[in-house]
Structure formats: structure tokens, C-alpha cells
N, C-alpha and C. Protein backbone atom coordinates (compact mmCIF):
# COMPACT_ATOMS: atom_id res chain seq x y z
N UNK A 1 90.66 102.55 82.45
CA UNK A 1 92.08 102.63 82.20
C UNK A 1 92.74 101.37 82.75
N UNK A 2 93.67 100.87 82.00
CA UNK A 2 94.44 99.69 82.41
C UNK A 2 95.83 100.13 82.84
N UNK A 3 96.50 99.28 83.57
CA UNK A 3 97.84 99.62 84.08
C UNK A 3 98.78 100.03 82.95
N UNK A 4 98.75 99.33 81.85
CA UNK A 4 99.66 99.65 80.74
C UNK A 4 99.30 100.97 80.06
N UNK A 5 98.09 101.47 80.27
CA UNK A 5 97.73 102.79 79.75
C UNK A 5 98.39 103.89 80.58
N UNK A 6 98.54 103.62 81.86
CA UNK A 6 99.15 104.59 82.77
C UNK A 6 100.67 104.59 82.64
N UNK A 7 101.26 103.41 82.68
CA UNK A 7 102.71 103.25 82.49
C UNK A 7 102.92 102.05 81.57
N UNK A 8 103.24 102.32 80.30
CA UNK A 8 103.47 101.23 79.35
C UNK A 8 104.62 100.33 79.83
N UNK A 9 104.68 99.12 79.28
CA UNK A 9 105.69 98.14 79.69
C UNK A 9 107.11 98.71 79.66
N UNK A 10 107.41 99.50 78.66
CA UNK A 10 108.77 100.02 78.51
C UNK A 10 109.05 101.24 79.40
N UNK A 11 108.08 101.69 80.11
CA UNK A 11 108.23 102.87 80.98
C UNK A 11 108.16 102.42 82.44
N UNK A 12 109.16 102.81 83.24
CA UNK A 12 109.24 102.36 84.62
C UNK A 12 108.84 103.41 85.64
N UNK A 13 108.60 104.61 85.20
CA UNK A 13 108.19 105.68 86.12
C UNK A 13 107.41 106.73 85.37
N UNK A 14 106.69 107.54 86.14
CA UNK A 14 105.91 108.61 85.55
C UNK A 14 105.84 109.79 86.51
N UNK A 15 105.42 110.91 85.99
CA UNK A 15 105.26 112.12 86.80
C UNK A 15 103.79 112.27 87.15
N UNK A 16 103.52 112.37 88.44
CA UNK A 16 102.17 112.56 88.92
C UNK A 16 102.20 113.68 89.94
N UNK A 17 101.49 114.76 89.64
CA UNK A 17 101.48 115.93 90.53
C UNK A 17 102.90 116.37 90.87
N UNK A 18 103.76 116.41 89.85
CA UNK A 18 105.15 116.87 89.96
C UNK A 18 106.02 115.98 90.83
N UNK A 19 105.62 114.73 91.04
CA UNK A 19 106.42 113.77 91.79
C UNK A 19 106.68 112.58 90.89
N UNK A 20 107.94 112.14 90.84
CA UNK A 20 108.27 110.95 90.07
C UNK A 20 107.84 109.72 90.86
N UNK A 21 107.03 108.89 90.22
CA UNK A 21 106.51 107.67 90.86
C UNK A 21 106.98 106.48 90.03
N UNK A 22 107.66 105.56 90.69
CA UNK A 22 108.14 104.36 90.02
C UNK A 22 107.02 103.32 89.94
N UNK A 23 107.08 102.54 88.87
CA UNK A 23 106.16 101.41 88.72
C UNK A 23 106.39 100.47 89.89
N UNK A 24 105.35 100.00 90.50
CA UNK A 24 105.47 99.07 91.61
C UNK A 24 105.39 99.71 92.98
N UNK A 25 105.25 101.03 93.02
CA UNK A 25 105.24 101.73 94.31
C UNK A 25 104.08 101.28 95.20
N UNK A 26 102.90 101.14 94.63
CA UNK A 26 101.75 100.75 95.44
C UNK A 26 101.91 99.31 95.91
N UNK A 27 102.37 98.43 95.05
CA UNK A 27 102.60 97.04 95.44
C UNK A 27 103.65 96.92 96.53
N UNK A 28 104.72 97.69 96.42
CA UNK A 28 105.77 97.67 97.45
C UNK A 28 105.22 98.19 98.77
N UNK A 29 104.37 99.21 98.73
CA UNK A 29 103.75 99.72 99.95
C UNK A 29 102.94 98.63 100.63
N UNK A 30 102.15 97.90 99.87
CA UNK A 30 101.32 96.84 100.44
C UNK A 30 102.19 95.74 101.07
N UNK A 31 103.24 95.35 100.38
CA UNK A 31 104.16 94.34 100.91
C UNK A 31 104.80 94.83 102.22
N UNK A 32 105.32 96.06 102.19
CA UNK A 32 105.98 96.61 103.38
C UNK A 32 105.01 96.80 104.53
N UNK A 33 103.78 97.17 104.24
CA UNK A 33 102.78 97.32 105.30
C UNK A 33 102.53 95.99 105.99
N UNK A 34 102.46 94.94 105.21
CA UNK A 34 102.24 93.61 105.81
C UNK A 34 103.42 93.22 106.71
N UNK A 35 104.63 93.46 106.25
CA UNK A 35 105.82 93.15 107.06
C UNK A 35 105.83 93.99 108.33
N UNK A 36 105.56 95.29 108.18
CA UNK A 36 105.60 96.22 109.31
C UNK A 36 104.58 95.85 110.39
N UNK A 37 103.44 95.35 109.97
CA UNK A 37 102.37 95.01 110.90
C UNK A 37 102.46 93.58 111.45
N UNK A 38 103.29 92.76 110.86
CA UNK A 38 103.37 91.35 111.25
C UNK A 38 104.20 91.20 112.51
N UNK A 39 103.60 90.74 113.61
CA UNK A 39 104.36 90.57 114.85
C UNK A 39 105.47 89.53 114.73
N UNK A 40 105.40 88.68 113.71
CA UNK A 40 106.44 87.68 113.51
C UNK A 40 107.66 88.26 112.79
N UNK A 41 107.54 89.46 112.24
CA UNK A 41 108.68 90.11 111.58
C UNK A 41 109.68 90.56 112.63
N UNK A 42 110.95 90.46 112.29
CA UNK A 42 111.99 90.90 113.22
C UNK A 42 111.98 92.42 113.32
N UNK A 43 112.64 92.92 114.36
CA UNK A 43 112.76 94.38 114.52
C UNK A 43 113.43 95.00 113.30
N UNK A 44 114.47 94.33 112.78
CA UNK A 44 115.17 94.85 111.59
C UNK A 44 114.25 94.87 110.38
N UNK A 45 113.46 93.83 110.19
CA UNK A 45 112.54 93.78 109.06
C UNK A 45 111.49 94.89 109.19
N UNK A 46 110.97 95.09 110.39
CA UNK A 46 109.97 96.13 110.60
C UNK A 46 110.57 97.51 110.39
N UNK A 47 111.79 97.72 110.85
CA UNK A 47 112.44 99.02 110.67
C UNK A 47 112.69 99.31 109.19
N UNK A 48 113.13 98.30 108.46
CA UNK A 48 113.36 98.48 107.02
C UNK A 48 112.04 98.76 106.29
N UNK A 49 111.00 98.02 106.66
CA UNK A 49 109.69 98.23 106.04
C UNK A 49 109.19 99.64 106.34
N UNK A 50 109.37 100.10 107.57
CA UNK A 50 108.93 101.45 107.93
C UNK A 50 109.68 102.51 107.12
N UNK A 51 110.99 102.35 106.99
CA UNK A 51 111.78 103.30 106.18
C UNK A 51 111.26 103.33 104.75
N UNK A 52 110.99 102.16 104.19
CA UNK A 52 110.51 102.09 102.81
C UNK A 52 109.11 102.69 102.66
N UNK A 53 108.26 102.48 103.65
CA UNK A 53 106.91 103.08 103.63
C UNK A 53 107.02 104.59 103.65
N UNK A 54 107.80 105.11 104.59
CA UNK A 54 107.93 106.57 104.73
C UNK A 54 108.53 107.17 103.46
N UNK A 55 109.50 106.49 102.87
CA UNK A 55 110.13 106.97 101.64
C UNK A 55 109.14 107.02 100.48
N UNK A 56 108.19 106.10 100.47
CA UNK A 56 107.21 106.03 99.38
C UNK A 56 106.03 106.97 99.55
N UNK A 57 105.86 107.52 100.74
CA UNK A 57 104.66 108.33 101.00
C UNK A 57 104.47 109.51 100.04
N UNK A 58 105.50 110.27 99.70
CA UNK A 58 105.26 111.36 98.75
C UNK A 58 104.67 110.87 97.42
N UNK A 59 105.16 109.75 96.93
CA UNK A 59 104.64 109.20 95.68
C UNK A 59 103.20 108.72 95.85
N UNK A 60 102.93 108.06 96.97
CA UNK A 60 101.57 107.56 97.21
C UNK A 60 100.57 108.71 97.37
N UNK A 61 101.00 109.77 98.02
CA UNK A 61 100.14 110.94 98.15
C UNK A 61 99.95 111.63 96.79
N UNK A 62 101.02 111.67 95.98
CA UNK A 62 100.90 112.28 94.65
C UNK A 62 99.91 111.52 93.79
N UNK A 63 99.85 110.21 93.98
CA UNK A 63 98.88 109.40 93.24
C UNK A 63 97.46 109.59 93.76
N UNK A 64 97.32 110.13 94.98
CA UNK A 64 96.01 110.31 95.57
C UNK A 64 95.47 109.04 96.22
N UNK A 65 96.34 108.10 96.52
CA UNK A 65 95.91 106.82 97.06
C UNK A 65 95.06 106.97 98.32
N UNK A 66 95.52 107.83 99.23
CA UNK A 66 94.84 107.95 100.52
C UNK A 66 93.65 108.91 100.49
N UNK A 67 93.43 109.53 99.34
CA UNK A 67 92.21 110.32 99.15
C UNK A 67 91.04 109.40 98.83
N UNK A 68 91.36 108.22 98.29
CA UNK A 68 90.32 107.28 97.88
C UNK A 68 90.21 106.08 98.82
N UNK A 69 91.32 105.68 99.41
CA UNK A 69 91.34 104.50 100.25
C UNK A 69 91.76 104.87 101.66
N UNK A 70 91.09 104.27 102.63
CA UNK A 70 91.44 104.52 104.02
C UNK A 70 92.22 103.32 104.56
N UNK A 71 93.29 103.60 105.26
CA UNK A 71 94.07 102.54 105.90
C UNK A 71 93.29 102.08 107.12
N UNK A 72 93.02 100.80 107.19
CA UNK A 72 92.17 100.26 108.26
C UNK A 72 92.91 100.13 109.59
N UNK A 73 94.18 99.77 109.55
CA UNK A 73 94.95 99.59 110.78
C UNK A 73 95.33 100.96 111.35
N UNK A 74 94.99 101.20 112.62
CA UNK A 74 95.22 102.52 113.23
C UNK A 74 96.69 102.89 113.27
N UNK A 75 97.55 101.95 113.60
CA UNK A 75 98.99 102.24 113.69
C UNK A 75 99.56 102.61 112.32
N UNK A 76 99.18 101.85 111.29
CA UNK A 76 99.64 102.16 109.94
C UNK A 76 99.04 103.48 109.46
N UNK A 77 97.79 103.73 109.81
CA UNK A 77 97.15 105.00 109.45
C UNK A 77 97.93 106.17 110.04
N UNK A 78 98.38 106.04 111.28
CA UNK A 78 99.18 107.09 111.92
C UNK A 78 100.52 107.27 111.20
N UNK A 79 101.15 106.16 110.79
CA UNK A 79 102.41 106.27 110.06
C UNK A 79 102.21 107.00 108.75
N UNK A 80 101.16 106.65 108.03
CA UNK A 80 100.87 107.28 106.74
C UNK A 80 100.58 108.78 106.92
N UNK A 81 99.93 109.11 108.03
CA UNK A 81 99.61 110.52 108.31
C UNK A 81 100.81 111.28 108.86
N UNK A 82 101.87 110.55 109.17
CA UNK A 82 103.06 111.20 109.71
C UNK A 82 102.97 111.53 111.18
N UNK A 83 102.12 110.79 111.90
CA UNK A 83 101.91 111.10 113.31
C UNK A 83 102.37 110.01 114.25
N UNK A 84 103.13 109.03 113.75
CA UNK A 84 103.66 107.98 114.63
C UNK A 84 104.80 108.56 115.44
N UNK A 85 104.75 108.33 116.75
CA UNK A 85 105.80 108.86 117.63
C UNK A 85 107.04 108.00 117.57
């Protein structure tokens, strides 16, 4: 399957396991994870990235991303699991 088979060019979102997932959700997660983990990122940048990651988690779980891929960074893995204090 190719990306355009899942979401054609003219379609910006889809329903997966009863959750609306926007095109670009996985890419945005990867970008935000890099910002969140980068010690050179400001506190504001990290806080915004964390909010965006947490907001995207229902969609990422609906896609089954974390059933197939393991997050290597322990801190990010805890955030994804919802266990960051």
C-alpha cells in the first residue's frame, strides 16, 4: 500500500478505529519528538511540542503506531505511555 492509497491527495483526514486522523500526524509527531528531546530547544518550544505530542496520541494509537514500533528514548516512551510525571 502506498500513502495515496490510504489517503488520496484530495483527502486530508481519515477514520481509523473510530478516530479522525489528519494527514501528516505521524510526521508532526516525529518533528515534535525531536524538538521535545533536543536540549537546545527552549522551555516554550519543548512545552509546545509536548502539548502537540499528547494531543496526537489518540490518533497515533488508533493507527497502531506503537503496536509496531517501539520508542527508543525512555523519556519519550513514558510520555507516549502517559506516565510522565
